[in-house]
C-alpha atoms as a PDB file:
ATOM      1  CA  MET A   1     276.646 160.059  78.974  1.00  0.00           C
ATOM      2  CA  TRP A   2     273.453 158.406  78.048  1.00  0.00           C
ATOM      3  CA  THR A   3     271.051 160.313  75.911  1.00  0.00           C
ATOM      4  CA  ASN A   4     267.371 159.552  76.104  1.00  0.00           C
ATOM      5  CA  ILE A   5     265.796 159.606  72.741  1.00  0.00           C
ATOM      6  CA  ILE A   6     262.058 160.057  72.737  1.00  0.00           C
ATOM      7  CA  LYS A   7     260.318 159.140  69.568  1.00  0.00           C
ATOM      8  CA  ALA A   8     256.841 160.369  68.746  1.00  0.00           C
ATOM      9  CA  CYS A   9     254.408 157.537  68.265  1.00  0.00           C
ATOM     10  CA  GLY A  10     251.504 158.133  65.998  1.00  0.00           C
ATOM     11  CA  VAL A  11     247.939 157.075  66.936  1.00  0.00           C
ATOM     12  CA  ALA A  12     245.906 155.721  64.085  1.00  0.00           C
ATOM     13  CA  PHE A  13     242.159 156.255  64.117  1.00  0.00           C
ATOM     14  CA  ILE A  14     240.181 153.814  62.026  1.00  0.00           C
ATOM     15  CA  LEU A  15     236.591 154.740  61.258  1.00  0.00           C
ATOM     16  CA  ILE A  16     234.364 151.721  60.768  1.00  0.00           C
ATOM     17  CA  SER A  17     230.878 152.345  59.444  1.00  0.00           C
ATOM     18  CA  THR A  18     228.029 149.992  58.742  1.00  0.00           C
ATOM     19  CA  ASN A  19     225.744 150.240  55.813  1.00  0.00           C
ATOM     20  CA  SER A  20     223.026 152.122  57.706  1.00  0.00           C
ATOM     21  CA  PHE A  21     221.181 152.956  54.520  1.00  0.00           C
ATOM     22  CA  ALA A  22     220.678 149.356  53.616  1.00  0.00           C
ATOM     23  CA  THR A  23     219.535 148.460  57.124  1.00  0.00           C
ATOM     24  CA  SER A  24     217.050 151.282  57.410  1.00  0.00           C
ATOM     25  CA  GLN A  25     215.512 150.135  54.186  1.00  0.00           C
ATOM     26  CA  SER A  26     215.044 146.536  55.360  1.00  0.00           C
ATOM     27  CA  GLN A  27     211.476 145.373  55.683  1.00  0.00           C
ATOM     28  CA  CYS A  28     209.485 143.262  58.096  1.00  0.00           C
ATOM     29  CA  ASP A  29     207.115 141.194  56.034  1.00  0.00           C
ATOM     30  CA  VAL A  30     204.246 140.724  58.478  1.00  0.00           C
ATOM     31  CA  ARG A  31     201.041 138.879  57.715  1.00  0.00           C
ATOM     32  CA  LEU A  32     198.329 138.424  60.321  1.00  0.00           C
ATOM     33  CA  ILE A  33     197.028 134.916  59.723  1.00  0.00           C
ATOM     34  CA  SER A  34     194.251 134.292  62.226  1.00  0.00           C
ATOM     35  CA  LEU A  35     192.347 135.676  65.199  1.00  0.00           C
ATOM     36  CA  GLU A  36     190.158 132.970  66.715  1.00  0.00           C
ATOM     37  CA  PRO A  37     188.626 131.685  69.964  1.00  0.00           C
ATOM     38  CA  VAL A  38     190.413 128.860  71.773  1.00  0.00           C
ATOM     39  CA  SER A  39     187.442 127.922  73.986  1.00  0.00           C
ATOM     40  CA  ALA A  40     183.776 127.868  73.063  1.00  0.00           C
ATOM     41  CA  ARG A  41     182.347 128.853  76.455  1.00  0.00           C
ATOM     42  CA  SER A  42     180.273 132.041  76.313  1.00  0.00           C
ATOM     43  CA  THR A  43     177.764 131.923  79.207  1.00  0.00           C
ATOM     44  CA  TYR A  44     177.890 134.529  81.966  1.00  0.00           C
ATOM     45  CA  ASP A  45     176.227 133.527  85.253  1.00  0.00           C
ATOM     46  CA  VAL A  46     174.952 136.558  87.185  1.00  0.00           C
ATOM     47  CA  PHE A  47     174.664 134.444  90.356  1.00  0.00           C
ATOM     48  CA  SER A  48     178.241 133.143  90.292  1.00  0.00           C
ATOM     49  CA  THR A  49     180.522 134.116  93.168  1.00  0.00           C
ATOM     50  CA  ALA A  50     183.684 133.439  91.151  1.00  0.00           C
ATOM     51  CA  GLN A  51     185.934 136.417  90.498  1.00  0.00           C
ATOM     52  CA  SER A  52     185.363 136.011  86.761  1.00  0.00           C
ATOM     53  CA  PRO A  53     182.297 133.875  85.998  1.00  0.00           C
ATOM     54  CA  LEU A  54     183.227 133.890  82.307  1.00  0.00           C
ATOM     55  CA  VAL A  55     186.736 133.799  80.812  1.00  0.00           C
ATOM     56  CA  GLN A  56     187.060 133.630  77.026  1.00  0.00           C
ATOM     57  CA  HIS A  57     190.383 132.523  75.511  1.00  0.00           C
ATOM     58  CA  TYR A  58     191.623 133.754  72.127  1.00  0.00           C
ATOM     59  CA  GLN A  59     194.667 133.205  69.940  1.00  0.00           C
ATOM     60  CA  LEU A  60     196.387 135.552  67.500  1.00  0.00           C
ATOM     61  CA  ARG A  61     198.763 134.139  64.886  1.00  0.00           C
ATOM     62  CA  ALA A  62     201.059 136.045  62.529  1.00  0.00           C
ATOM     63  CA  ASP A  63     203.624 135.183  59.869  1.00  0.00           C
ATOM     64  CA  ILE A  64     206.805 137.246  60.290  1.00  0.00           C
ATOM     65  CA  ALA A  65     209.234 136.311  57.527  1.00  0.00           C
ATOM     66  CA  GLN A  66     212.470 138.010  58.586  1.00  0.00           C
ATOM     67  CA  GLU A  67     214.605 136.961  61.532  1.00  0.00           C
ATOM     68  CA  GLY A  68     215.078 139.700  64.109  1.00  0.00           C
ATOM     69  CA  CYS A  69     211.801 141.372  63.313  1.00  0.00           C
ATOM     70  CA  SER A  70     209.345 142.183  66.101  1.00  0.00           C
ATOM     71  CA  VAL A  71     206.052 143.981  65.716  1.00  0.00           C
ATOM     72  CA  SER A  72     203.410 145.457  67.996  1.00  0.00           C
ATOM     73  CA  VAL A  73     199.826 144.404  67.417  1.00  0.00           C
ATOM     74  CA  GLU A  74     196.843 146.299  68.792  1.00  0.00           C
ATOM     75  CA  LEU A  75     193.702 144.387  69.730  1.00  0.00           C
ATOM     76  CA  ASP A  76     190.554 146.407  70.116  1.00  0.00           C
ATOM     77  CA  ILE A  77     186.823 145.940  70.676  1.00  0.00           C
ATOM     78  CA  ASP A  78     184.575 148.681  69.337  1.00  0.00           C
ATOM     79  CA  GLU A  79     187.192 151.440  69.417  1.00  0.00           C
ATOM     80  CA  GLY A  80     188.482 151.030  72.943  1.00  0.00           C
ATOM     81  CA  SER A  81     185.291 149.907  74.636  1.00  0.00           C
ATOM     82  CA  ASN A  82     185.532 147.638  77.667  1.00  0.00           C
ATOM     83  CA  GLN A  83     181.949 146.406  77.332  1.00  0.00           C
ATOM     84  CA  LEU A  84     179.910 144.211  75.029  1.00  0.00           C
ATOM     85  CA  ARG A  85     176.634 145.733  73.889  1.00  0.00           C
ATOM     86  CA  GLY A  86     173.280 144.152  74.743  1.00  0.00           C
ATOM     87  CA  ASN A  87     169.619 144.926  74.347  1.00  0.00           C
ATOM     88  CA  ALA A  88     167.757 147.702  76.158  1.00  0.00           C
ATOM     89  CA  GLY A  89     170.928 149.691  76.795  1.00  0.00           C
ATOM     90  CA  GLN A  90     172.610 146.932  78.826  1.00  0.00           C
ATOM     91  CA  ASP A  91     176.367 146.366  78.681  1.00  0.00           C
ATOM     92  CA  LEU A  92     178.509 143.470  79.894  1.00  0.00           C
ATOM     93  CA  GLY A  93     181.902 144.669  81.116  1.00  0.00           C
ATOM     94  CA  PHE A  94     185.151 142.793  80.529  1.00  0.00           C
ATOM     95  CA  GLU A  95     188.894 143.104  81.172  1.00  0.00           C
ATOM     96  CA  TRP A  96     191.831 142.200  78.924  1.00  0.00           C
ATOM     97  CA  SER A  97     194.275 139.657  80.327  1.00  0.00           C
ATOM     98  CA  GLY A  98     197.357 137.713  79.227  1.00  0.00           C
ATOM     99  CA  THR A  99     201.024 137.055  79.892  1.00  0.00           C
ATOM    100  CA  ASN A 100     202.217 138.805  76.718  1.00  0.00           C
ATOM    101  CA  GLY A 101     200.638 142.213  76.584  1.00  0.00           C
ATOM    102  CA  PHE A 102     199.273 145.258  78.399  1.00  0.00           C
ATOM    103  CA  THR A 103     196.305 147.595  78.186  1.00  0.00           C
ATOM    104  CA  ARG A 104     196.478 151.099  76.792  1.00  0.00           C
ATOM    105  CA  GLY A 105     193.455 153.276  76.168  1.00  0.00           C
ATOM    106  CA  GLY A 106     191.119 150.333  76.574  1.00  0.00           C
ATOM    107  CA  LYS A 107     193.049 148.285  73.994  1.00  0.00           C
ATOM    108  CA  TRP A 108     195.353 145.280  74.333  1.00  0.00           C
ATOM    109  CA  LEU A 109     198.892 145.556  72.921  1.00  0.00           C
ATOM    110  CA  VAL A 110     201.089 142.530  72.287  1.00  0.00           C
ATOM    111  CA  THR A 111     204.510 142.005  70.729  1.00  0.00           C
ATOM    112  CA  LEU A 112     205.068 139.272  68.147  1.00  0.00           C
ATOM    113  CA  THR A 113     208.421 138.165  66.751  1.00  0.00           C
ATOM    114  CA  HIS A 114     209.764 135.865  64.064  1.00  0.00           C
ATOM    115  CA  ASP A 115     210.530 133.278  66.756  1.00  0.00           C
ATOM    116  CA  GLU A 116     207.277 133.758  68.688  1.00  0.00           C
ATOM    117  CA  PRO A 117     204.564 134.687  66.186  1.00  0.00           C
ATOM    118  CA  ILE A 118     201.650 133.301  68.256  1.00  0.00           C
ATOM    119  CA  THR A 119     200.088 134.710  71.407  1.00  0.00           C
ATOM    120  CA  GLN A 120     197.072 133.879  73.549  1.00  0.00           C
ATOM    121  CA  PHE A 121     195.018 136.290  75.629  1.00  0.00           C
ATOM    122  CA  GLN A 122     191.719 136.392  77.507  1.00  0.00           C
ATOM    123  CA  LEU A 123     188.629 138.462  78.027  1.00  0.00           C
ATOM    124  CA  ARG A 124     187.605 138.212  81.685  1.00  0.00           C
ATOM    125  CA  TYR A 125     184.102 139.217  82.733  1.00  0.00           C
ATOM    126  CA  PRO A 126     184.032 140.257  86.428  1.00  0.00           C
ATOM    127  CA  SER A 127     181.283 139.071  88.764  1.00  0.00           C
ATOM    128  CA  GLY A 128     178.671 141.345  90.272  1.00  0.00           C
ATOM    129  CA  GLN A 129     177.119 142.474  86.990  1.00  0.00           C
ATOM    130  CA  TRP A 130     173.329 142.209  87.030  1.00  0.00           C
ATOM    131  CA  LEU A 131     171.809 141.808  83.576  1.00  0.00           C
ATOM    132  CA  THR A 132     168.598 140.449  82.146  1.00  0.00           C
ATOM    133  CA  SER A 133     168.928 137.461  79.829  1.00  0.00           C
ATOM    134  CA  GLY A 134     170.116 138.063  76.287  1.00  0.00           C
ATOM    135  CA  ALA A 135     173.104 138.123  73.962  1.00  0.00           C
ATOM    136  CA  PHE A 136     175.930 140.683  74.136  1.00  0.00           C
ATOM    137  CA  HIS A 137     178.138 141.521  71.154  1.00  0.00           C
ATOM    138  CA  GLY A 138     181.307 143.336  70.159  1.00  0.00           C
ATOM    139  CA  GLN A 139     183.653 143.536  67.164  1.00  0.00           C
ATOM    140  CA  MET A 140     187.263 142.593  67.922  1.00  0.00           C
ATOM    141  CA  THR A 141     189.980 143.758  65.540  1.00  0.00           C
ATOM    142  CA  ALA A 142     193.739 143.146  65.332  1.00  0.00           C
ATOM    143  CA  ASN A 143     196.117 145.610  63.633  1.00  0.00           C
ATOM    144  CA  VAL A 144     199.897 145.788  63.323  1.00  0.00           C
ATOM    145  CA  ILE A 145     200.660 149.325  64.467  1.00  0.00           C
ATOM    146  CA  GLU A 146     204.469 149.529  64.520  1.00  0.00           C
ATOM    147  CA  SER A 147     207.733 147.667  64.193  1.00  0.00           C
ATOM    148  CA  GLY A 148     209.778 146.996  67.288  1.00  0.00           C
ATOM    149  CA  SER A 149     212.800 145.575  65.468  1.00  0.00           C
ATOM    150  CA  ASN A 150     216.265 147.070  65.802  1.00  0.00           C
ATOM    151  CA  THR A 151     216.283 147.777  62.095  1.00  0.00           C
ATOM    152  CA  SER A 152     213.433 150.314  62.149  1.00  0.00           C
ATOM    153  CA  ALA A 153     211.919 148.176  59.451  1.00  0.00           C
ATOM    154  CA  SER A 154     208.897 149.095  57.420  1.00  0.00           C
ATOM    155  CA  LEU A 155     205.823 146.842  57.469  1.00  0.00           C
ATOM    156  CA  LEU A 156     204.309 144.875  54.642  1.00  0.00           C
ATOM    157  CA  ASN A 157     201.048 142.907  54.360  1.00  0.00           C
ATOM    158  CA  SER A 158     199.825 143.995  57.806  1.00  0.00           C
ATOM    159  CA  LYS A 159     196.111 143.770  57.102  1.00  0.00           C
ATOM    160  CA  GLU A 160     193.442 143.985  59.788  1.00  0.00           C
ATOM    161  CA  LEU A 161     191.729 140.903  61.208  1.00  0.00           C
ATOM    162  CA  ALA A 162     188.215 141.030  62.656  1.00  0.00           C
ATOM    163  CA  LEU A 163     186.207 138.686  64.869  1.00  0.00           C
ATOM    164  CA  GLU A 164     182.706 138.863  66.348  1.00  0.00           C
ATOM    165  CA  VAL A 165     182.748 138.451  70.155  1.00  0.00           C
ATOM    166  CA  GLU A 166     179.620 137.210  71.912  1.00  0.00           C
ATOM    167  CA  ALA A 167     178.615 136.403  75.488  1.00  0.00           C
ATOM    168  CA  ASP A 168     175.234 135.194  76.705  1.00  0.00           C
ATOM    169  CA  VAL A 169     173.330 135.787  79.912  1.00  0.00           C
ATOM    170  CA  ILE A 170     170.888 132.893  80.093  1.00  0.00           C
ATOM    171  CA  PRO A 171     167.530 132.883  81.889  1.00  0.00           C
ATOM    172  CA  SER A 172     168.190 131.940  85.512  1.00  0.00           C
ATOM    173  CA  ALA A 173     166.413 132.485  88.802  1.00  0.00           C
ATOM    174  CA  LYS A 174     166.988 132.185  92.533  1.00  0.00           C
ATOM    175  CA  ILE A 175     164.552 132.048  95.455  1.00  0.00           C
ATOM    176  CA  GLN A 176     164.833 132.096  99.248  1.00  0.00           C
ATOM    177  CA  PHE A 177     162.915 133.252 102.295  1.00  0.00           C
ATOM    178  CA  TYR A 178     163.421 136.985 102.730  1.00  0.00           C
ATOM    179  CA  GLY A 179     165.990 137.727 105.414  1.00  0.00           C
ATOM    180  CA  LEU A 180     166.594 134.042 106.165  1.00  0.00           C
ATOM    181  CA  SER A 181     169.409 131.706 105.171  1.00  0.00           C
ATOM    182  CA  GLN A 182     167.675 128.379 105.825  1.00  0.00           C
ATOM    183  CA  ARG A 183     165.726 126.528 103.143  1.00  0.00           C
ATOM    184  CA  HIS A 184     163.097 125.231 105.602  1.00  0.00           C
ATOM    185  CA  TYR A 185     160.593 127.302 107.564  1.00  0.00           C
ATOM    186  CA  ASP A 186     158.010 126.165 110.145  1.00  0.00           C
ATOM    187  CA  LEU A 187     154.953 128.433 110.151  1.00  0.00           C
ATOM    188  CA  ASP A 188     152.715 128.285 113.217  1.00  0.00           C
ATOM    189  CA  LEU A 189     149.128 128.996 112.100  1.00  0.00           C
ATOM    190  CA  GLY A 190     147.909 129.348 115.686  1.00  0.00           C
ATOM    191  CA  GLU A 191     144.339 128.422 116.579  1.00  0.00           C
ATOM    192  CA  LEU A 192     142.376 127.549 113.470  1.00  0.00           C
ATOM    193  CA  ASN A 193     139.130 129.374 112.801  1.00  0.00           C
ATOM    194  CA  SER A 194     136.944 129.374 109.693  1.00  0.00           C
ATOM    195  CA  SER A 195     138.013 132.002 107.130  1.00  0.00           C
ATOM    196  CA  LYS A 196     140.997 133.004 109.272  1.00  0.00           C
ATOM    197  CA  ILE A 197     143.668 134.894 107.315  1.00  0.00           C
ATOM    198  CA  ILE A 198     147.323 134.503 108.348  1.00  0.00           C
ATOM    199  CA  HIS A 199     149.636 137.274 107.194  1.00  0.00           C
ATOM    200  CA  SER A 200     152.587 136.228 109.327  1.00  0.00           C
ATOM    201  CA  GLY A 201     154.025 133.878 106.747  1.00  0.00           C
ATOM    202  CA  PRO A 202     157.541 134.507 105.445  1.00  0.00           C
ATOM    203  CA  LYS A 203     158.046 136.601 102.364  1.00  0.00           C
ATOM    204  CA  LEU A 204     159.848 135.191  99.366  1.00  0.00           C
ATOM    205  CA  TRP A 205     162.943 136.891  97.969  1.00  0.00           C
ATOM    206  CA  VAL A 206     163.219 136.389  94.204  1.00  0.00           C
ATOM    207  CA  GLN A 207     165.939 137.226  91.685  1.00  0.00           C
ATOM    208  CA  SER A 208     165.563 136.339  88.026  1.00  0.00           C
ATOM    209  CA  THR A 209     167.207 137.406  84.763  1.00  0.00           C
ATOM    210  CA  SER A 210     163.939 136.821  82.880  1.00  0.00           C
ATOM    211  CA  GLU A 211     160.256 136.281  83.430  1.00  0.00           C
ATOM    212  CA  TYR A 212     159.784 133.522  85.972  1.00  0.00           C
ATOM    213  CA  VAL A 213     157.381 131.028  87.508  1.00  0.00           C
ATOM    214  CA  VAL A 214     157.102 130.121  91.208  1.00  0.00           C
ATOM    215  CA  SER A 215     155.678 126.628  91.726  1.00  0.00           C
ATOM    216  CA  PHE A 216     153.866 125.393  94.839  1.00  0.00           C
ATOM    217  CA  GLU A 217     153.311 121.737  95.608  1.00  0.00           C
ATOM    218  CA  SER A 218     151.159 120.822  98.608  1.00  0.00           C
ATOM    219  CA  GLU A 219     151.693 117.287  99.925  1.00  0.00           C
ATOM    220  CA  ASN A 220     148.029 117.184 100.975  1.00  0.00           C
ATOM    221  CA  LEU A 221     146.742 119.018  97.877  1.00  0.00           C
ATOM    222  CA  GLY A 222     145.720 122.153  99.738  1.00  0.00           C
ATOM    223  CA  ASN A 223     144.569 120.544 102.990  1.00  0.00           C
ATOM    224  CA  LEU A 224     145.744 120.679 106.573  1.00  0.00           C
ATOM    225  CA  ARG A 225     145.715 117.086 107.813  1.00  0.00           C
ATOM    226  CA  HIS A 226     144.791 116.032 111.335  1.00  0.00           C
ATOM    227  CA  GLU A 227     147.459 114.369 113.465  1.00  0.00           C
ATOM    228  CA  SER A 228     145.515 111.114 113.148  1.00  0.00           C
ATOM    229  CA  ALA A 229     146.226 111.183 109.402  1.00  0.00           C
ATOM    230  CA  ASP A 230     142.494 110.612 108.797  1.00  0.00           C
ATOM    231  CA  ARG A 231     141.635 112.443 105.564  1.00  0.00           C
ATOM    232  CA  ALA A 232     138.028 112.749 106.715  1.00  0.00           C
ATOM    233  CA  TRP A 233     139.130 115.531 109.052  1.00  0.00           C
ATOM    234  CA  ASP A 234     141.083 117.534 106.419  1.00  0.00           C
ATOM    235  CA  ILE A 235     140.740 121.317 106.590  1.00  0.00           C
ATOM    236  CA  ALA A 236     141.114 123.046 103.255  1.00  0.00           C
ATOM    237  CA  TYR A 237     143.211 126.213 102.967  1.00  0.00           C
ATOM    238  CA  GLN A 238     144.331 128.627 100.278  1.00  0.00           C
ATOM    239  CA  ILE A 239     147.570 130.467  99.676  1.00  0.00           C
ATOM    240  CA  MET A 240     147.699 134.059  98.461  1.00  0.00           C
ATOM    241  CA  VAL A 241     150.875 135.073  96.620  1.00  0.00           C
ATOM    242  CA  ASN A 242     151.289 138.801  96.092  1.00  0.00           C
ATOM    243  CA  SER A 243     147.524 139.092  96.755  1.00  0.00           C
ATOM    244  CA  GLU A 244     146.724 136.510  94.045  1.00  0.00           C
ATOM    245  CA  THR A 245     145.105 133.195  94.927  1.00  0.00           C
ATOM    246  CA  VAL A 246     147.126 130.134  93.918  1.00  0.00           C
ATOM    247  CA  PRO A 247     145.081 126.897  93.843  1.00  0.00           C
ATOM    248  CA  LEU A 248     146.740 123.968  95.596  1.00  0.00           C
ATOM    249  CA  GLU A 249     144.373 121.189  94.520  1.00  0.00           C
ATOM    250  CA  THR A 250     146.712 120.102  91.735  1.00  0.00           C
ATOM    251  CA  ALA A 251     150.142 118.560  92.073  1.00  0.00           C
ATOM    252  CA  ASN A 252     151.957 121.623  90.731  1.00  0.00           C
ATOM    253  CA  SER A 253     150.345 125.050  91.102  1.00  0.00           C
ATOM    254  CA  GLN A 254     152.083 128.146  89.752  1.00  0.00           C
ATOM    255  CA  TRP A 255     152.341 131.879  90.195  1.00  0.00           C
ATOM    256  CA  ARG A 256     153.882 133.727  87.270  1.00  0.00           C
ATOM    257  CA  SER A 257     155.717 137.045  86.975  1.00  0.00           C
ATOM    258  CA  SER A 258     156.047 138.779  83.619  1.00  0.00           C
ATOM    259  CA  GLN A 259     159.133 140.758  84.668  1.00  0.00           C
ATOM    260  CA  SER A 260     162.738 140.044  85.488  1.00  0.00           C
ATOM    261  CA  THR A 261     164.020 141.327  88.799  1.00  0.00           C
ATOM    262  CA  GLN A 262     167.327 141.999  90.489  1.00  0.00           C
ATOM    263  CA  GLY A 263     165.587 141.459  93.815  1.00  0.00           C
ATOM    264  CA  GLN A 264     161.897 141.428  94.699  1.00  0.00           C
ATOM    265  CA  THR A 265     159.970 140.525  97.866  1.00  0.00           C
ATOM    266  CA  VAL A 266     156.864 138.427  97.257  1.00  0.00           C
ATOM    267  CA  PRO A 267     154.454 138.288 100.235  1.00  0.00           C
ATOM    268  CA  MET A 268     152.441 135.160 101.082  1.00  0.00           C
ATOM    269  CA  SER A 269     149.307 134.807 103.188  1.00  0.00           C
ATOM    270  CA  PHE A 270     147.039 131.874 104.029  1.00  0.00           C
ATOM    271  CA  VAL A 271     143.247 131.599 104.243  1.00  0.00           C
ATOM    272  CA  ILE A 272     141.780 128.816 106.396  1.00  0.00           C
ATOM    273  CA  GLY A 273     138.648 127.029 105.167  1.00  0.00           C
ATOM    274  CA  ASP A 274     135.708 125.677 107.167  1.00  0.00           C
ATOM    275  CA  VAL A 275     136.760 124.132 110.486  1.00  0.00           C
ATOM    276  CA  GLY A 276     133.228 123.218 111.595  1.00  0.00           C
ATOM    277  CA  GLN A 277     132.738 119.719 112.997  1.00  0.00           C
ATOM    278  CA  LYS A 278     136.499 119.101 112.961  1.00  0.00           C
ATOM    279  CA  PRO A 279     138.104 117.469 115.995  1.00  0.00           C
ATOM    280  CA  GLY A 280     140.660 119.240 118.089  1.00  0.00           C
ATOM    281  CA  GLY A 281     144.283 118.464 117.640  1.00  0.00           C
ATOM    282  CA  SER A 282     147.278 119.421 115.509  1.00  0.00           C
ATOM    283  CA  TYR A 283     146.935 119.958 111.761  1.00  0.00           C
ATOM    284  CA  LYS A 284     149.712 120.385 109.239  1.00  0.00           C
ATOM    285  CA  ASP A 285     150.774 120.335 105.617  1.00  0.00           C
ATOM    286  CA  ILE A 286     154.124 120.576 103.836  1.00  0.00           C
ATOM    287  CA  LEU A 287     154.424 123.063 100.996  1.00  0.00           C
ATOM    288  CA  HIS A 288     157.296 122.795  98.522  1.00  0.00           C
ATOM    289  CA  ILE A 289     158.237 126.038  96.756  1.00  0.00           C
ATOM    290  CA  SER A 290     160.500 126.255  93.715  1.00  0.00           C
ATOM    291  CA  ILE A 291     161.330 128.732  90.958  1.00  0.00           C
ATOM    292  CA  GLU A 292     162.324 128.521  87.322  1.00  0.00           C
ATOM    293  CA  PRO A 293     162.999 131.160  84.675  1.00  0.00           C
ATOM    294  CA  ASP A 294     160.961 131.444  81.509  1.00  0.00           C
ATOM    295  CA  LEU A 295     163.175 129.475  79.117  1.00  0.00           C
ATOM    296  CA  SER A 296     161.399 130.974  76.122  1.00  0.00           C
ATOM    297  CA  GLN A 297     163.523 134.070  76.847  1.00  0.00           C
ATOM    298  CA  SER A 298     166.747 132.152  76.175  1.00  0.00           C
ATOM    299  CA  PRO A 299     169.144 134.091  73.885  1.00  0.00           C
END
């Protein structure tokens, strides 16, 4: 007879522990080195149709001494604001952007590591913001707010960096015929009579970020010329801009506005001079109209 002998086999449990105390006391030696612009462009164009007429690029650099350390850095402008401050209560809005980071409470958070201690990010200024010319400012700061390392390390030398952010809206202006897309307009003055006033001329549509000047240049220096091109038969005329007479006898006559405008209609009318003793026929002149902002308002 065979007898089965069953022996009890012992199971050994081996407890392996790491020196958690030493690890928890390890430190991430973090030093923020620089916060600086990468590009110098700072002009915002209110007339631009681009999605972001102004994009400013910045770079943040840190020194992280220990391998395996990662830290979160918070970038902020004026305590969570998403606008730069300007004069007369105006603000220029922006958005944070970048491949390494995300927004939280109006601030930009990025993660830096020993292996990747440098990051770049952008401030993007969306189109469609109407502002008068001037400079817009904000104070950008960078702070290490926490450690993301597996060692729950404490932080050393994590001082704040600060940088002044500025964007400029320069004096600029735009003009067109109100309600029309073409740049050329043929005005029929009808039958010419002495002292006739024509109100049927097109209105001007003006937009300007500063004070502006509208210039008028008459090819015949304020005269309607007979189809024969004989200057002896010239008929003088005047132009009224917003009910103000603009002389056309000089090569470059001007009408000035002392205000900026997001959109303003400027009416024009014409006053015909003396037509006595003038032959019948067709008379015409070509009037060139242009606009420029007051550059003395440049920021």
